[in-house]
Protein backbone atom coordinates (compact mmCIF):
# COMPACT_ATOMS: atom_id res chain seq x y z
CA MET A 1 0.00 0.00 0.00
CA SER A 2 1.37 3.42 -0.98
CA GLU A 3 1.94 6.24 1.51
CA ILE A 4 -1.08 8.13 0.14
CA GLN A 5 -3.29 5.04 0.43
CA CYS A 6 -2.15 4.53 4.02
CA GLU A 7 -3.02 8.12 4.86
CA ILE A 8 -6.48 7.79 3.29
CA ALA A 9 -7.12 4.56 5.22
CA ALA A 10 -6.00 6.17 8.49
CA ASN A 11 -8.26 9.17 7.96
CA ALA A 12 -11.26 7.01 7.07
CA GLY A 13 -11.55 5.73 10.62
CA MET A 14 -14.33 3.51 11.90
CA ILE A 15 -17.96 4.13 10.96
CA ILE A 16 -20.32 4.37 13.94
CA GLN A 17 -23.82 5.53 14.77
CA ARG A 18 -24.46 8.22 17.34
CA VAL A 19 -27.37 10.23 18.74
CA VAL A 20 -27.09 14.02 18.98
CA LEU A 21 -29.32 16.73 20.39
CA ASN A 22 -31.34 17.85 17.38
CA SER A 23 -33.39 20.60 19.05
CA ARG A 24 -34.32 21.91 22.47
CA PRO A 25 -37.86 21.58 23.86
CA GLY A 26 -37.53 25.08 25.29
CA LYS A 27 -38.48 26.20 28.76
CA ASN A 28 -41.87 24.78 29.75
CA GLY A 29 -41.69 22.61 26.61
CA VAL A 30 -42.46 18.90 26.51
CA PRO A 31 -39.60 16.80 25.05
CA VAL A 32 -40.31 14.57 22.06
CA ALA A 33 -38.33 11.89 20.27
CA GLU A 34 -37.55 14.34 17.46
CA ASN A 35 -35.42 16.40 19.84
CA PHE A 36 -32.80 13.73 19.17
CA ARG A 37 -31.24 12.70 15.86
CA LEU A 38 -29.51 9.48 14.86
CA GLU A 39 -26.60 10.03 12.50
CA GLN A 40 -23.60 8.25 11.07
CA SER A 41 -20.14 9.38 12.10
CA THR A 42 -16.58 8.11 12.27
CA ILE A 43 -14.01 7.65 14.99
CA SER A 44 -10.32 6.91 14.68
CA ASP A 45 -9.43 3.24 14.32
CA MET A 46 -6.32 3.90 16.42
CA ILE A 47 -6.22 4.57 20.16
CA GLN A 48 -3.63 6.39 22.24
CA VAL A 49 -1.85 5.29 25.41
CA GLY A 50 -4.32 5.31 28.31
CA GLN A 51 -7.34 4.96 26.05
CA VAL A 52 -9.70 2.08 25.33
CA ARG A 53 -12.11 1.41 22.49
CA VAL A 54 -15.43 0.17 23.78
CA ARG A 55 -18.59 -1.22 22.23
CA THR A 56 -21.70 0.18 23.86
CA MET A 57 -24.06 -2.38 25.37
CA TYR A 58 -26.51 -0.43 27.54
CA LEU A 59 -27.42 3.22 27.98
CA SER A 60 -29.36 4.77 30.84
CA VAL A 61 -32.26 7.16 30.21
CA ASP A 62 -33.05 9.33 33.24
CA PRO A 63 -35.34 12.24 34.18
CA TYR A 64 -32.45 14.56 35.08
CA MET A 65 -31.49 14.59 31.40
CA ARG A 66 -34.49 16.84 30.72
CA CYS A 67 -32.53 19.63 32.45
CA ARG A 68 -29.58 19.03 30.12
CA MET A 69 -31.79 19.68 27.10
CA ASN A 70 -32.05 23.38 28.07
CA GLU A 71 -29.35 25.95 27.40
CA ASP A 72 -29.25 26.52 31.15
CA THR A 73 -29.66 23.37 33.24
CA GLY A 74 -30.52 25.34 36.35
CA SER A 75 -27.93 23.33 38.28
CA ASP A 76 -24.26 23.86 38.99
CA TYR A 77 -23.43 20.15 38.69
CA LEU A 78 -25.09 19.51 35.30
CA LEU A 79 -23.76 20.71 31.96
CA PRO A 80 -26.18 21.29 29.08
CA TRP A 81 -26.08 19.16 25.97
CA GLN A 82 -25.04 21.15 22.91
CA LEU A 83 -27.03 21.17 19.67
CA SER A 84 -25.72 18.73 17.04
CA GLU A 85 -23.31 17.26 19.60
CA VAL A 86 -23.51 13.70 20.90
CA ALA A 87 -25.56 13.26 24.08
CA ASP A 88 -24.17 11.32 27.03
CA GLY A 89 -25.13 9.75 30.35
CA GLY A 90 -24.74 6.51 32.24
CA GLY A 91 -23.56 3.65 30.06
CA ILE A 92 -22.04 0.18 30.02
CA GLY A 93 -19.87 -1.41 27.38
CA VAL A 94 -17.22 -4.01 26.66
CA VAL A 95 -13.58 -3.24 25.91
CA GLU A 96 -12.59 -4.18 22.36
CA GLU A 97 -9.07 -2.74 22.43
CA SER A 98 -7.05 -1.32 25.30
CA LYS A 99 -3.91 0.70 25.86
CA HIS A 100 -4.72 1.21 29.54
CA ASP A 101 -2.75 -0.80 32.09
CA ASN A 102 -5.76 -1.80 34.22
CA LEU A 103 -8.20 -2.70 31.44
CA ALA A 104 -8.07 -5.56 28.94
CA LYS A 105 -10.06 -6.72 25.95
CA GLY A 106 -13.29 -8.31 27.13
CA ASP A 107 -13.60 -6.29 30.35
CA PHE A 108 -16.99 -4.79 31.10
CA VAL A 109 -16.85 -1.11 32.10
CA THR A 110 -19.16 1.75 33.00
CA SER A 111 -19.11 5.55 33.18
CA PHE A 112 -21.45 8.40 34.15
CA ASN A 113 -20.50 10.22 30.92
CA TRP A 114 -20.91 7.54 28.28
CA PRO A 115 -21.54 8.95 24.78
CA TRP A 116 -24.72 7.85 23.02
CA GLN A 117 -22.95 6.02 20.21
CA THR A 118 -22.35 2.43 19.17
CA VAL A 119 -18.56 2.49 19.61
CA ALA A 120 -16.42 5.03 21.48
CA ILE A 121 -12.83 5.78 22.39
CA LEU A 122 -12.64 6.71 26.07
CA ASP A 123 -10.07 7.61 28.70
CA GLY A 124 -9.54 4.38 30.63
CA SER A 125 -8.93 6.21 33.90
CA LEU A 126 -12.54 7.49 33.83
CA LEU A 127 -14.04 4.01 33.55
CA GLN A 128 -15.05 1.64 36.31
CA LYS A 129 -14.51 -2.08 35.78
CA LEU A 130 -17.56 -4.23 36.46
CA VAL A 131 -17.90 -7.73 37.89
CA PRO A 132 -20.97 -9.36 36.28
CA GLN A 133 -21.20 -12.03 38.98
CA LEU A 134 -22.14 -9.38 41.54
CA VAL A 135 -25.49 -8.90 39.79
CA ASN A 136 -26.05 -12.48 38.63
CA GLY A 137 -24.82 -11.53 35.16
CA ARG A 138 -27.44 -8.79 34.65
CA LEU A 139 -25.03 -6.04 33.61
CA SER A 140 -27.76 -3.44 33.10
CA TYR A 141 -28.42 -3.53 36.85
CA PHE A 142 -25.22 -1.49 37.29
CA LEU A 143 -27.11 1.41 35.69
CA GLY A 144 -30.04 0.94 38.05
CA ALA A 145 -30.41 -1.05 41.23
CA ALA A 146 -26.65 -1.56 41.62
CA GLY A 147 -25.73 1.89 40.32
CA ILE A 148 -26.50 5.53 40.96
CA THR A 149 -30.25 4.81 41.08
CA GLY A 150 -29.89 2.23 43.82
CA LEU A 151 -27.47 4.47 45.67
CA THR A 152 -30.00 7.30 45.59
CA ALA A 153 -32.72 5.07 47.01
CA LEU A 154 -30.54 3.49 49.70
CA LEU A 155 -28.60 6.55 50.84
CA GLY A 156 -31.64 8.79 50.60
CA ILE A 157 -33.44 6.63 53.13
CA LYS A 158 -30.39 6.09 55.36
CA GLU A 159 -29.12 9.67 55.37
CA LYS A 160 -32.34 11.70 55.17
CA GLY A 161 -35.13 9.31 56.10
CA HIS A 162 -34.92 9.76 59.88
CA VAL A 163 -35.65 6.04 60.19
CA THR A 164 -35.89 4.78 63.79
CA VAL A 165 -35.61 1.06 64.47
CA GLY A 166 -38.77 -0.33 66.06
CA ALA A 167 -40.70 2.92 65.70
CA ASN A 168 -43.44 1.44 63.46
CA GLN A 169 -42.95 4.18 60.88
CA THR A 170 -44.74 4.40 57.53
CA MET A 171 -43.02 5.28 54.28
CA VAL A 172 -44.81 6.51 51.17
CA VAL A 173 -42.97 6.76 47.83
CA SER A 174 -44.64 9.22 45.47
CA GLY A 175 -42.97 7.84 42.33
CA ALA A 176 -43.12 4.16 43.22
CA ALA A 177 -43.12 2.98 39.60
CA GLY A 178 -39.98 4.91 38.68
CA ALA A 179 -36.36 3.79 38.71
CA CYS A 180 -35.53 5.12 42.18
CA GLY A 181 -38.97 4.99 43.78
CA SER A 182 -39.45 1.34 42.93
CA LEU A 183 -36.40 0.60 45.08
CA ALA A 184 -36.85 3.05 47.96
CA GLY A 185 -39.85 1.76 49.47
CA GLN A 186 -45.33 10.80 54.38
CA MET A 187 -47.83 13.54 55.29
CA ASN A 188 -47.98 12.96 59.35
CA GLN A 189 -47.04 15.13 62.39
CA ASN A 190 -43.25 15.52 62.66
CA SER A 191 -42.74 13.66 59.38
CA HIS A 192 -40.09 14.11 56.71
CA ILE A 193 -40.20 14.70 52.97
CA ILE A 194 -37.09 13.70 51.02
CA LEU A 195 -36.73 15.44 47.67
CA CYS A 196 -34.62 13.49 45.20
CA GLY A 197 -36.31 14.36 41.92
CA GLN A 198 -39.73 15.52 40.74
CA ILE A 199 -40.18 14.47 37.13
CA SER A 200 -43.57 16.18 36.95
CA GLN A 201 -41.83 19.53 37.39
CA TYR A 202 -38.94 19.13 34.96
CA ASN A 203 -40.69 20.67 31.97
CA LYS A 204 -41.59 23.81 33.94
CA ASP A 205 -39.49 26.94 34.21
CA VAL A 206 -39.42 26.94 38.02
CA PRO A 207 -36.54 26.62 40.51
CA TYR A 208 -35.78 23.29 42.11
CA PRO A 209 -37.14 22.39 44.54
CA PRO A 210 -40.30 24.08 43.30
CA PRO A 211 -42.11 26.41 45.74
CA LEU A 212 -45.10 25.00 47.58
CA PRO A 213 -48.61 26.43 47.22
CA PRO A 214 -49.45 28.63 50.26
CA ASP A 215 -52.01 26.18 51.70
CA ILE A 216 -49.54 23.27 51.53
CA GLU A 217 -46.75 25.37 53.01
CA LYS A 218 -49.08 26.24 55.91
CA ILE A 219 -49.73 22.55 56.62
CA GLN A 220 -46.00 21.84 56.46
CA LYS A 221 -45.27 24.44 59.12
CA GLU A 222 -48.21 23.55 61.36
CA ARG A 223 -47.28 19.86 61.43
CA ASN A 224 -43.53 20.41 61.72
CA ILE A 225 -42.83 18.54 58.49
CA THR A 226 -39.29 18.79 57.17
CA ARG A 227 -38.73 19.09 53.42
CA GLU A 228 -35.10 18.40 52.56
CA ARG A 229 -33.36 18.07 49.23
CA PHE A 230 -31.17 15.01 48.77
CA LEU A 231 -28.31 14.83 46.26
CA VAL A 232 -26.57 11.48 46.12
CA LEU A 233 -23.37 13.07 44.74
CA ASN A 234 -22.77 14.50 48.20
CA TYR A 235 -22.43 10.98 49.61
CA MET A 236 -20.09 9.31 47.13
CA ASP A 237 -17.67 8.40 49.91
CA LYS A 238 -20.25 5.73 50.81
CA GLN A 239 -20.55 4.48 47.22
CA GLU A 240 -18.40 1.35 47.35
CA ALA A 241 -19.87 -0.13 50.51
CA SER A 242 -23.41 0.75 49.46
CA VAL A 243 -23.09 -0.84 46.00
CA LEU A 244 -21.77 -4.03 47.58
CA GLN A 245 -24.77 -4.04 49.91
CA LEU A 246 -27.16 -3.56 46.99
CA CYS A 247 -25.46 -6.36 45.04
CA GLN A 248 -25.75 -8.69 48.03
CA TRP A 249 -29.48 -8.02 48.29
CA ILE A 250 -29.87 -8.66 44.55
CA GLN A 251 -28.00 -11.98 44.81
CA GLU A 252 -30.14 -13.01 47.80
CA GLY A 253 -33.35 -12.04 46.04
CA LYS A 254 -34.19 -9.47 48.71
CA LEU A 255 -34.17 -6.57 46.26
CA LYS A 256 -36.70 -6.89 43.45
CA VAL A 257 -35.49 -5.13 40.30
CA ARG A 258 -37.75 -3.85 37.54
CA GLU A 259 -36.53 -2.61 34.16
CA THR A 260 -38.13 -1.30 30.98
CA VAL A 261 -35.79 -2.14 28.11
CA VAL A 262 -35.97 -0.63 24.62
CA GLU A 263 -33.89 -2.22 21.86
CA GLY A 264 -31.67 -0.18 19.55
CA LEU A 265 -29.83 3.14 19.68
CA ALA A 266 -32.26 4.53 17.08
CA ASN A 267 -35.07 4.29 19.64
CA ILE A 268 -33.40 6.18 22.49
CA GLY A 269 -35.33 9.39 21.75
CA ALA A 270 -38.63 7.52 21.89
CA ALA A 271 -37.50 5.83 25.12
CA PHE A 272 -36.73 9.23 26.65
CA GLN A 273 -40.11 10.64 25.61
CA SER A 274 -41.91 7.59 27.03
CA MET A 275 -40.00 7.79 30.31
CA MET A 276 -40.87 11.46 30.72
CA ASN A 277 -44.54 10.54 30.20
CA GLY A 278 -44.43 7.75 32.79
CA GLY A 279 -44.26 4.92 30.28
CA ASN A 280 -41.60 2.99 32.20
CA ILE A 281 -41.80 0.71 35.21
CA GLY A 282 -38.49 0.65 37.03
CA LYS A 283 -35.31 1.71 35.29
CA GLN A 284 -35.50 2.82 31.64
CA ILE A 285 -32.72 1.10 29.72
CA VAL A 286 -31.74 1.15 26.05
CA SER A 287 -30.01 -2.00 24.83
CA VAL A 288 -27.57 -1.06 22.08
CA SER A 289 -25.76 -4.37 21.53
CA LYS A 290 -25.32 -7.75 23.18
C-alpha cells in the first residue's frame, strides 16, 4: 500500500452511529423523540496510550437529562447538551481494544458520561470495571439497582429518612413505579419529605425544589414537616460499601429489580419521551448491543 493510500485509510476511521441533540424543547416545553437525531459518524481506528475502544451495550435514560436539554440546566453540577453534539449519560460497554494498564479486551466497564454512540474511544482512567457475577450476570443492573439509582434510594433513606428502628414508621414513595422509587420503598405530624427528583416539574421553568402552594406550606409548618433536598453526589464516599450491599441483596433475592428495556440506539429518543410521560416501570434502559 502506498503512503497516500495509508493516509487515506488512516483518515477514514471507523464508521459508527451516534445520537445528537437535534433541538431543544424550550423552557416549559415537553420533550419529544424528534429532539434527538440518529446520524452516522466516524471515529479513529487507532487509540492512544491510556485509552480504550469500547462497544456500547446499555445506555441509561433518566429524568435529570431533561434539564440538560435546556441551554441553562438550572444546576451547577449539570452541563447542558449542545445542539448537534452527541448526548451522554450513564452507560455500560465491553472493551474491544485497550492501551490502559488496568483494562483488557473483554472487560466490562461503566461511566457516568458515556456517549450515546455504538462504539467510542474513552479515557480508561474514567471508567469503572464491572464484575458481572455481583449482579447475577445482569449487567444493566449497574445502571439501576446496583448503580446511581440504587445508591439514591438506599442513601436517601439512610441519610435523610430519619428512620428509627422499632418505631413502626410508615413510608410513602410518590414515584413508586420509577427507577428510584421502585427501590426506595409521608404527610404525618413531625414527618419528613425527602426530595430526590420531581419528574412532573422538569418541563416547567421553576426553581428546584419548586415552591409549595401557600395552603400546603401552611400545613408543612403547622405539622412540623421537614422538606429536605437530597443529592446522592454529596455521599459518594459511601458508594463502594453501598453498592456491595445492593449487590448482596440482589443476589439473595431481597431486592426486586424492575426494568423497561428498549432495543436499539435509534429508539433512544422515543424511550426518553416515554420515560418522561411515565411509560416505564423501574429503570428505563436502552439496549444497544449484546
